[in-house]
């Protein structure tokens, strides 16, 4: 490798390291200093309602601060004071991205430019509500398997409680200190790592290649992108800018980058169907639907139909996942029980002999 190539490689590694450390700090702030998604949804929906009723931004923020307690009240009060000092609402939000989210900041800035702030805030609330709904379905699908997994750990260590020389301290040590607590710690570390790495292209491609989970991630990303773009385009925002803002709602970094690179031709006058058709993971069916929407002048309605299609496909995949995972856990538990039974009786007869 030449000296020039080596220096470029070192520079790229330093850049990626800074980005990763910044994302890590952002994730930790969102986890420990941010707001719950339910609070965010209520905030943006209530702010939309007040602004559409003619209440000023500053008064709306002060009112919402009085309705919420703790960190939320402090954040909303600080945003109101910054707006009163002359800062735009998007600028006040941008000072605390871990509280409001990058998509909400981009939508607020677009609302300020287009004069449709209340509609954009309503879309943010709907996106958060849709994300909460999907997350609730995933948690529901994984709740029963999680119970089964805990049950398997308990069953596996039953001999330490009732077997020869068994005791309650030995059982608790085996179940909690040796298995469950390390498992919880590993899950937390993996969750933080996922939040930090999900914007990187390589990791995002790995996620998309996973069985079931990859399909759900891709469908949800396209659904959120299509829904956001439909609303932005209907509000009169230029398509090229609407695409860049709508991409903030897509969680997968690989999909975001592929669409962003493919749609660069929009600035040169190319059609949306031609450009997005070049993006990876975009199916011919979606390209044809968008081409039809452009030809008939109903692009926003077509994008909404694309979002509906992907939402339905994601829900179907989640339901399929909810059936497969408990079956796998069942097989693991049955294997653990069978192993313990065989081991117990083998040791029992060996003791008698």
Foldseek 3Di string as FASTA:
>chain_A
DDPVVVVVVVVVVVVVVVLLVVLLVLLVCLVPVADDLVLLLVLLLQLLVCVVVPHDQLVSLCVVLVVDDDSSVVLSNQLSVVVVVPDQSLVSCVVNCSHNHPLLSLLCVLCVVLVNNSLSSNLSSVLSVLVVVLVVLLCVLCVVLVVLVLVLQLLLLVCLPVNVVHHPVSSCCSNPVVPPVVVVVVVVVVVSVCSSCQQPQVVLVVQLPDPLRNLLLLLQLLLQLLLQLLSSVVSPHDNLSSNLSSNSSRRGNNQSVQLNVQCPCVVVPDDSLRSNVRGPPDDVVLSVLCVVCVVVVNNSVSSNVSSVVSVVVSVVSSVVSSVPSSVVSVVVSVVSNVVVVVVVVVVVVVVVD
